[in-house]
Amino acid sequence: MEAVGNYAIRPIFSDGHDSGLYSWDVLYQLGSHKEELWTHYLARLATAGASREPGQTPAPPAKAPAGSCGKR
């Protein structure tokens, strides 16, 4: 976690990526609406057929092999 002035923080993850700056107002809103946001997030995952658990999301269907060098 890195402070950005007096107005925001920037999370930096162990794999090196960061997802931007979060102002204190945004963090307050996220915390205030946590249950509603979490429920919506889980519903979106379910609609997409995805899961938060590793290995729980089905693999995408295999693509048909493409012809090579213009031959079929």
PDB file of N, CA and C in Angstrom:
ATOM      1  N   MET A   1       0.856  -1.157   0.000  1.00  0.00           N
ATOM      2  CA  MET A   1       0.000   0.000   0.000  1.00  0.00           C
ATOM      3  C   MET A   1       0.907   1.225   0.000  1.00  0.00           C
ATOM      4  N   GLU A   2       0.580   2.157  -0.847  1.00  0.00           N
ATOM      5  CA  GLU A   2       1.395   3.367  -0.958  1.00  0.00           C
ATOM      6  C   GLU A   2       0.493   4.591  -0.827  1.00  0.00           C
ATOM      7  N   ALA A   3       0.821   5.478   0.087  1.00  0.00           N
ATOM      8  CA  ALA A   3       0.052   6.715   0.239  1.00  0.00           C
ATOM      9  C   ALA A   3       0.362   7.646  -0.926  1.00  0.00           C
ATOM     10  N   VAL A   4      -0.680   8.333  -1.403  1.00  0.00           N
ATOM     11  CA  VAL A   4      -0.521   9.319  -2.468  1.00  0.00           C
ATOM     12  C   VAL A   4      -1.034  10.639  -1.903  1.00  0.00           C
ATOM     13  N   GLY A   5      -0.106  11.445  -1.436  1.00  0.00           N
ATOM     14  CA  GLY A   5      -0.499  12.696  -0.790  1.00  0.00           C
ATOM     15  C   GLY A   5      -1.398  12.414   0.397  1.00  0.00           C
ATOM     16  N   ASN A   6      -2.350  13.297   0.610  1.00  0.00           N
ATOM     17  CA  ASN A   6      -3.327  13.118   1.685  1.00  0.00           C
ATOM     18  C   ASN A   6      -4.686  12.706   1.148  1.00  0.00           C
ATOM     19  N   TYR A   7      -4.758  12.361  -0.138  1.00  0.00           N
ATOM     20  CA  TYR A   7      -6.062  12.159  -0.750  1.00  0.00           C
ATOM     21  C   TYR A   7      -6.319  10.756  -1.263  1.00  0.00           C
ATOM     22  N   ALA A   8      -5.311   9.875  -1.327  1.00  0.00           N
ATOM     23  CA  ALA A   8      -5.546   8.562  -1.925  1.00  0.00           C
ATOM     24  C   ALA A   8      -4.487   7.559  -1.483  1.00  0.00           C
ATOM     25  N   ILE A   9      -4.750   6.305  -1.823  1.00  0.00           N
ATOM     26  CA  ILE A   9      -3.765   5.237  -1.652  1.00  0.00           C
ATOM     27  C   ILE A   9      -3.672   4.461  -2.958  1.00  0.00           C
ATOM     28  N   ARG A  10      -2.557   3.777  -3.130  1.00  0.00           N
ATOM     29  CA  ARG A  10      -2.370   2.942  -4.316  1.00  0.00           C
ATOM     30  C   ARG A  10      -1.949   1.552  -3.835  1.00  0.00           C
ATOM     31  N   PRO A  11      -2.848   0.557  -3.971  1.00  0.00           N
ATOM     32  CA  PRO A  11      -2.454  -0.810  -3.631  1.00  0.00           C
ATOM     33  C   PRO A  11      -1.468  -1.332  -4.672  1.00  0.00           C
ATOM     34  N   ILE A  12      -0.416  -1.971  -4.213  1.00  0.00           N
ATOM     35  CA  ILE A  12       0.545  -2.621  -5.104  1.00  0.00           C
ATOM     36  C   ILE A  12       0.620  -4.080  -4.665  1.00  0.00           C
ATOM     37  N   PHE A  13       0.301  -4.984  -5.574  1.00  0.00           N
ATOM     38  CA  PHE A  13       0.205  -6.402  -5.241  1.00  0.00           C
ATOM     39  C   PHE A  13       1.549  -7.104  -5.370  1.00  0.00           C
ATOM     40  N   SER A  14       1.672  -8.265  -4.737  1.00  0.00           N
ATOM     41  CA  SER A  14       2.943  -8.990  -4.699  1.00  0.00           C
ATOM     42  C   SER A  14       3.431  -9.404  -6.084  1.00  0.00           C
ATOM     43  N   ASP A  15       2.507  -9.508  -7.052  1.00  0.00           N
ATOM     44  CA  ASP A  15       2.942  -9.864  -8.404  1.00  0.00           C
ATOM     45  C   ASP A  15       3.344  -8.631  -9.212  1.00  0.00           C
ATOM     46  N   GLY A  16       3.327  -7.454  -8.560  1.00  0.00           N
ATOM     47  CA  GLY A  16       3.811  -6.245  -9.209  1.00  0.00           C
ATOM     48  C   GLY A  16       2.746  -5.380  -9.855  1.00  0.00           C
ATOM     49  N   HIS A  17       1.514  -5.884 -10.023  1.00  0.00           N
ATOM     50  CA  HIS A  17       0.512  -5.034 -10.674  1.00  0.00           C
ATOM     51  C   HIS A  17      -0.126  -4.097  -9.657  1.00  0.00           C
ATOM     52  N   ASP A  18      -0.607  -2.996 -10.165  1.00  0.00           N
ATOM     53  CA  ASP A  18      -1.380  -2.095  -9.323  1.00  0.00           C
ATOM     54  C   ASP A  18      -2.624  -1.706 -10.105  1.00  0.00           C
ATOM     55  N   SER A  19      -3.646  -1.361  -9.388  1.00  0.00           N
ATOM     56  CA  SER A  19      -4.919  -1.076 -10.053  1.00  0.00           C
ATOM     57  C   SER A  19      -5.322   0.383  -9.926  1.00  0.00           C
ATOM     58  N   GLY A  20      -4.354   1.254  -9.739  1.00  0.00           N
ATOM     59  CA  GLY A  20      -4.650   2.677  -9.737  1.00  0.00           C
ATOM     60  C   GLY A  20      -4.755   3.266  -8.349  1.00  0.00           C
ATOM     61  N   LEU A  21      -5.271   4.480  -8.318  1.00  0.00           N
ATOM     62  CA  LEU A  21      -5.414   5.227  -7.076  1.00  0.00           C
ATOM     63  C   LEU A  21      -6.847   5.133  -6.571  1.00  0.00           C
ATOM     64  N   TYR A  22      -6.991   5.073  -5.264  1.00  0.00           N
ATOM     65  CA  TYR A  22      -8.305   5.047  -4.631  1.00  0.00           C
ATOM     66  C   TYR A  22      -8.372   6.181  -3.627  1.00  0.00           C
ATOM     67  N   SER A  23      -9.279   7.119  -3.873  1.00  0.00           N
ATOM     68  CA  SER A  23      -9.443   8.239  -2.944  1.00  0.00           C
ATOM     69  C   SER A  23     -10.150   7.738  -1.687  1.00  0.00           C
ATOM     70  N   TRP A  24     -10.043   8.516  -0.626  1.00  0.00           N
ATOM     71  CA  TRP A  24     -10.714   8.143   0.618  1.00  0.00           C
ATOM     72  C   TRP A  24     -12.223   8.096   0.417  1.00  0.00           C
ATOM     73  N   ASP A  25     -12.769   8.968  -0.428  1.00  0.00           N
ATOM     74  CA  ASP A  25     -14.211   8.944  -0.706  1.00  0.00           C
ATOM     75  C   ASP A  25     -14.619   7.639  -1.375  1.00  0.00           C
ATOM     76  N   VAL A  26     -13.830   7.191  -2.349  1.00  0.00           N
ATOM     77  CA  VAL A  26     -14.132   5.931  -3.039  1.00  0.00           C
ATOM     78  C   VAL A  26     -14.043   4.769  -2.061  1.00  0.00           C
ATOM     79  N   LEU A  27     -13.009   4.745  -1.239  1.00  0.00           N
ATOM     80  CA  LEU A  27     -12.861   3.670  -0.257  1.00  0.00           C
ATOM     81  C   LEU A  27     -14.026   3.658   0.730  1.00  0.00           C
ATOM     82  N   TYR A  28     -14.472   4.828   1.126  1.00  0.00           N
ATOM     83  CA  TYR A  28     -15.615   4.914   2.032  1.00  0.00           C
ATOM     84  C   TYR A  28     -16.866   4.335   1.369  1.00  0.00           C
ATOM     85  N   GLN A  29     -17.106   4.692   0.101  1.00  0.00           N
ATOM     86  CA  GLN A  29     -18.272   4.176  -0.619  1.00  0.00           C
ATOM     87  C   GLN A  29     -18.197   2.659  -0.783  1.00  0.00           C
ATOM     88  N   LEU A  30     -17.018   2.146  -1.112  1.00  0.00           N
ATOM     89  CA  LEU A  30     -16.854   0.694  -1.245  1.00  0.00           C
ATOM     90  C   LEU A  30     -17.171  -0.006   0.073  1.00  0.00           C
ATOM     91  N   GLY A  31     -16.676   0.544   1.169  1.00  0.00           N
ATOM     92  CA  GLY A  31     -16.942  -0.048   2.477  1.00  0.00           C
ATOM     93  C   GLY A  31     -18.396   0.076   2.894  1.00  0.00           C
ATOM     94  N   SER A  32     -19.004   1.206   2.604  1.00  0.00           N
ATOM     95  CA  SER A  32     -20.398   1.445   2.983  1.00  0.00           C
ATOM     96  C   SER A  32     -21.371   0.553   2.226  1.00  0.00           C
ATOM     97  N   HIS A  33     -21.010   0.169   1.013  1.00  0.00           N
ATOM     98  CA  HIS A  33     -21.904  -0.624   0.161  1.00  0.00           C
ATOM     99  C   HIS A  33     -21.341  -2.014  -0.116  1.00  0.00           C
ATOM    100  N   LYS A  34     -20.490  -2.504   0.786  1.00  0.00           N
ATOM    101  CA  LYS A  34     -19.791  -3.769   0.570  1.00  0.00           C
ATOM    102  C   LYS A  34     -20.741  -4.920   0.232  1.00  0.00           C
ATOM    103  N   GLU A  35     -21.769  -5.131   1.034  1.00  0.00           N
ATOM    104  CA  GLU A  35     -22.666  -6.275   0.824  1.00  0.00           C
ATOM    105  C   GLU A  35     -23.364  -6.199  -0.532  1.00  0.00           C
ATOM    106  N   GLU A  36     -23.882  -5.034  -0.865  1.00  0.00           N
ATOM    107  CA  GLU A  36     -24.570  -4.841  -2.146  1.00  0.00           C
ATOM    108  C   GLU A  36     -23.614  -5.067  -3.320  1.00  0.00           C
ATOM    109  N   LEU A  37     -22.425  -4.508  -3.241  1.00  0.00           N
ATOM    110  CA  LEU A  37     -21.436  -4.660  -4.315  1.00  0.00           C
ATOM    111  C   LEU A  37     -20.984  -6.113  -4.445  1.00  0.00           C
ATOM    112  N   TRP A  38     -20.778  -6.788  -3.312  1.00  0.00           N
ATOM    113  CA  TRP A  38     -20.327  -8.178  -3.331  1.00  0.00           C
ATOM    114  C   TRP A  38     -21.390  -9.086  -3.946  1.00  0.00           C
ATOM    115  N   THR A  39     -22.650  -8.869  -3.572  1.00  0.00           N
ATOM    116  CA  THR A  39     -23.749  -9.656  -4.130  1.00  0.00           C
ATOM    117  C   THR A  39     -23.832  -9.465  -5.636  1.00  0.00           C
ATOM    118  N   HIS A  40     -23.701  -8.236  -6.097  1.00  0.00           N
ATOM    119  CA  HIS A  40     -23.735  -7.939  -7.534  1.00  0.00           C
ATOM    120  C   HIS A  40     -22.559  -8.608  -8.249  1.00  0.00           C
ATOM    121  N   TYR A  41     -21.389  -8.558  -7.654  1.00  0.00           N
ATOM    122  CA  TYR A  41     -20.193  -9.191  -8.226  1.00  0.00           C
ATOM    123  C   TYR A  41     -20.388 -10.702  -8.367  1.00  0.00           C
ATOM    124  N   LEU A  42     -20.887 -11.355  -7.324  1.00  0.00           N
ATOM    125  CA  LEU A  42     -21.109 -12.803  -7.386  1.00  0.00           C
ATOM    126  C   LEU A  42     -22.162 -13.160  -8.432  1.00  0.00           C
ATOM    127  N   ALA A  43     -23.189 -12.335  -8.568  1.00  0.00           N
ATOM    128  CA  ALA A  43     -24.212 -12.575  -9.589  1.00  0.00           C
ATOM    129  C   ALA A  43     -23.614 -12.461 -10.990  1.00  0.00           C
ATOM    130  N   ARG A  44     -22.741 -11.482 -11.207  1.00  0.00           N
ATOM    131  CA  ARG A  44     -22.081 -11.332 -12.514  1.00  0.00           C
ATOM    132  C   ARG A  44     -21.198 -12.536 -12.815  1.00  0.00           C
ATOM    133  N   LEU A  45     -20.489 -13.045 -11.811  1.00  0.00           N
ATOM    134  CA  LEU A  45     -19.670 -14.244 -12.012  1.00  0.00           C
ATOM    135  C   LEU A  45     -20.542 -15.422 -12.417  1.00  0.00           C
ATOM    136  N   ALA A  46     -21.648 -15.615 -11.706  1.00  0.00           N
ATOM    137  CA  ALA A  46     -22.542 -16.732 -12.002  1.00  0.00           C
ATOM    138  C   ALA A  46     -23.108 -16.618 -13.412  1.00  0.00           C
ATOM    139  N   THR A  47     -23.515 -15.428 -13.806  1.00  0.00           N
ATOM    140  CA  THR A  47     -24.046 -15.210 -15.154  1.00  0.00           C
ATOM    141  C   THR A  47     -23.008 -15.541 -16.217  1.00  0.00           C
ATOM    142  N   ALA A  48     -21.753 -15.240 -15.926  1.00  0.00           N
ATOM    143  CA  ALA A  48     -20.666 -15.507 -16.877  1.00  0.00           C
ATOM    144  C   ALA A  48     -20.185 -16.955 -16.813  1.00  0.00           C
ATOM    145  N   GLY A  49     -20.735 -17.739 -15.874  1.00  0.00           N
ATOM    146  CA  GLY A  49     -20.284 -19.118 -15.721  1.00  0.00           C
ATOM    147  C   GLY A  49     -18.888 -19.208 -15.130  1.00  0.00           C
ATOM    148  N   ALA A  50     -18.499 -18.201 -14.367  1.00  0.00           N
ATOM    149  CA  ALA A  50     -17.157 -18.140 -13.795  1.00  0.00           C
ATOM    150  C   ALA A  50     -17.211 -18.420 -12.295  1.00  0.00           C
ATOM    151  N   SER A  51     -16.047 -18.577 -11.712  1.00  0.00           N
ATOM    152  CA  SER A  51     -15.940 -18.845 -10.288  1.00  0.00           C
ATOM    153  C   SER A  51     -14.739 -18.103  -9.719  1.00  0.00           C
ATOM    154  N   ARG A  52     -14.798 -17.819  -8.433  1.00  0.00           N
ATOM    155  CA  ARG A  52     -13.652 -17.224  -7.751  1.00  0.00           C
ATOM    156  C   ARG A  52     -12.638 -18.286  -7.373  1.00  0.00           C
ATOM    157  N   GLU A  53     -13.038 -19.542  -7.369  1.00  0.00           N
ATOM    158  CA  GLU A  53     -12.169 -20.634  -6.947  1.00  0.00           C
ATOM    159  C   GLU A  53     -11.320 -21.133  -8.110  1.00  0.00           C
ATOM    160  N   PRO A  54     -10.020 -21.312  -7.891  1.00  0.00           N
ATOM    161  CA  PRO A  54      -9.155 -21.839  -8.959  1.00  0.00           C
ATOM    162  C   PRO A  54      -9.635 -23.212  -9.411  1.00  0.00           C
ATOM    163  N   GLY A  55      -9.653 -23.420 -10.710  1.00  0.00           N
ATOM    164  CA  GLY A  55     -10.039 -24.707 -11.268  1.00  0.00           C
ATOM    165  C   GLY A  55     -11.533 -24.944 -11.338  1.00  0.00           C
ATOM    166  N   GLN A  56     -12.344 -23.999 -10.887  1.00  0.00           N
ATOM    167  CA  GLN A  56     -13.794 -24.178 -10.893  1.00  0.00           C
ATOM    168  C   GLN A  56     -14.454 -23.643 -12.158  1.00  0.00           C
ATOM    169  N   THR A  57     -13.747 -22.823 -12.910  1.00  0.00           N
ATOM    170  CA  THR A  57     -14.298 -22.264 -14.138  1.00  0.00           C
ATOM    171  C   THR A  57     -14.044 -23.246 -15.266  1.00  0.00           C
ATOM    172  N   PRO A  58     -15.097 -23.648 -15.992  1.00  0.00           N
ATOM    173  CA  PRO A  58     -14.880 -24.591 -17.087  1.00  0.00           C
ATOM    174  C   PRO A  58     -13.959 -24.010 -18.154  1.00  0.00           C
ATOM    175  N   ALA A  59     -13.176 -24.887 -18.747  1.00  0.00           N
ATOM    176  CA  ALA A  59     -12.271 -24.467 -19.822  1.00  0.00           C
ATOM    177  C   ALA A  59     -13.088 -24.054 -21.037  1.00  0.00           C
ATOM    178  N   PRO A  60     -12.620 -23.073 -21.793  1.00  0.00           N
ATOM    179  CA  PRO A  60     -13.345 -22.677 -23.005  1.00  0.00           C
ATOM    180  C   PRO A  60     -13.329 -23.818 -24.011  1.00  0.00           C
ATOM    181  N   PRO A  61     -14.357 -23.909 -24.862  1.00  0.00           N
ATOM    182  CA  PRO A  61     -14.389 -24.991 -25.850  1.00  0.00           C
ATOM    183  C   PRO A  61     -13.201 -24.895 -26.804  1.00  0.00           C
ATOM    184  N   ALA A  62     -12.723 -26.056 -27.217  1.00  0.00           N
ATOM    185  CA  ALA A  62     -11.583 -26.099 -28.144  1.00  0.00           C
ATOM    186  C   ALA A  62     -12.018 -25.585 -29.507  1.00  0.00           C
ATOM    187  N   LYS A  63     -11.122 -24.877 -30.165  1.00  0.00           N
ATOM    188  CA  LYS A  63     -11.407 -24.372 -31.507  1.00  0.00           C
ATOM    189  C   LYS A  63     -11.113 -25.467 -32.521  1.00  0.00           C
ATOM    190  N   ALA A  64     -11.864 -25.462 -33.609  1.00  0.00           N
ATOM    191  CA  ALA A  64     -11.609 -26.415 -34.689  1.00  0.00           C
ATOM    192  C   ALA A  64     -10.263 -26.090 -35.316  1.00  0.00           C
ATOM    193  N   PRO A  65      -9.499 -27.115 -35.679  1.00  0.00           N
ATOM    194  CA  PRO A  65      -8.197 -26.836 -36.288  1.00  0.00           C
ATOM    195  C   PRO A  65      -8.354 -26.080 -37.606  1.00  0.00           C
ATOM    196  N   ALA A  66      -7.469 -25.158 -37.830  1.00  0.00           N
ATOM    197  CA  ALA A  66      -7.484 -24.382 -39.073  1.00  0.00           C
ATOM    198  C   ALA A  66      -6.625 -25.085 -40.109  1.00  0.00           C
ATOM    199  N   GLY A  67      -6.992 -24.950 -41.359  1.00  0.00           N
ATOM    200  CA  GLY A  67      -6.175 -25.516 -42.431  1.00  0.00           C
ATOM    201  C   GLY A  67      -4.850 -24.781 -42.521  1.00  0.00           C
ATOM    202  N   SER A  68      -3.834 -25.452 -43.024  1.00  0.00           N
ATOM    203  CA  SER A  68      -2.535 -24.797 -43.147  1.00  0.00           C
ATOM    204  C   SER A  68      -2.156 -24.669 -44.609  1.00  0.00           C
ATOM    205  N   CYS A  69      -1.436 -23.655 -44.931  1.00  0.00           N
ATOM    206  CA  CYS A  69      -0.936 -23.403 -46.289  1.00  0.00           C
ATOM    207  C   CYS A  69      -2.046 -23.411 -47.329  1.00  0.00           C
ATOM    208  N   GLY A  70      -3.240 -23.059 -46.935  1.00  0.00           N
ATOM    209  CA  GLY A  70      -4.347 -22.998 -47.876  1.00  0.00           C
ATOM    210  C   GLY A  70      -4.929 -24.353 -48.240  1.00  0.00           C
ATOM    211  N   LYS A  71      -4.446 -25.440 -47.650  1.00  0.00           N
ATOM    212  CA  LYS A  71      -4.972 -26.783 -47.938  1.00  0.00           C
ATOM    213  C   LYS A  71      -6.012 -27.149 -46.909  1.00  0.00           C
ATOM    214  N   ARG A  72      -6.957 -27.962 -47.332  1.00  0.00           N
ATOM    215  CA  ARG A  72      -7.998 -28.425 -46.403  1.00  0.00           C
ATOM    216  C   ARG A  72      -8.020 -29.914 -46.348  1.00  0.00           C
TER     217      ARG A  72
END
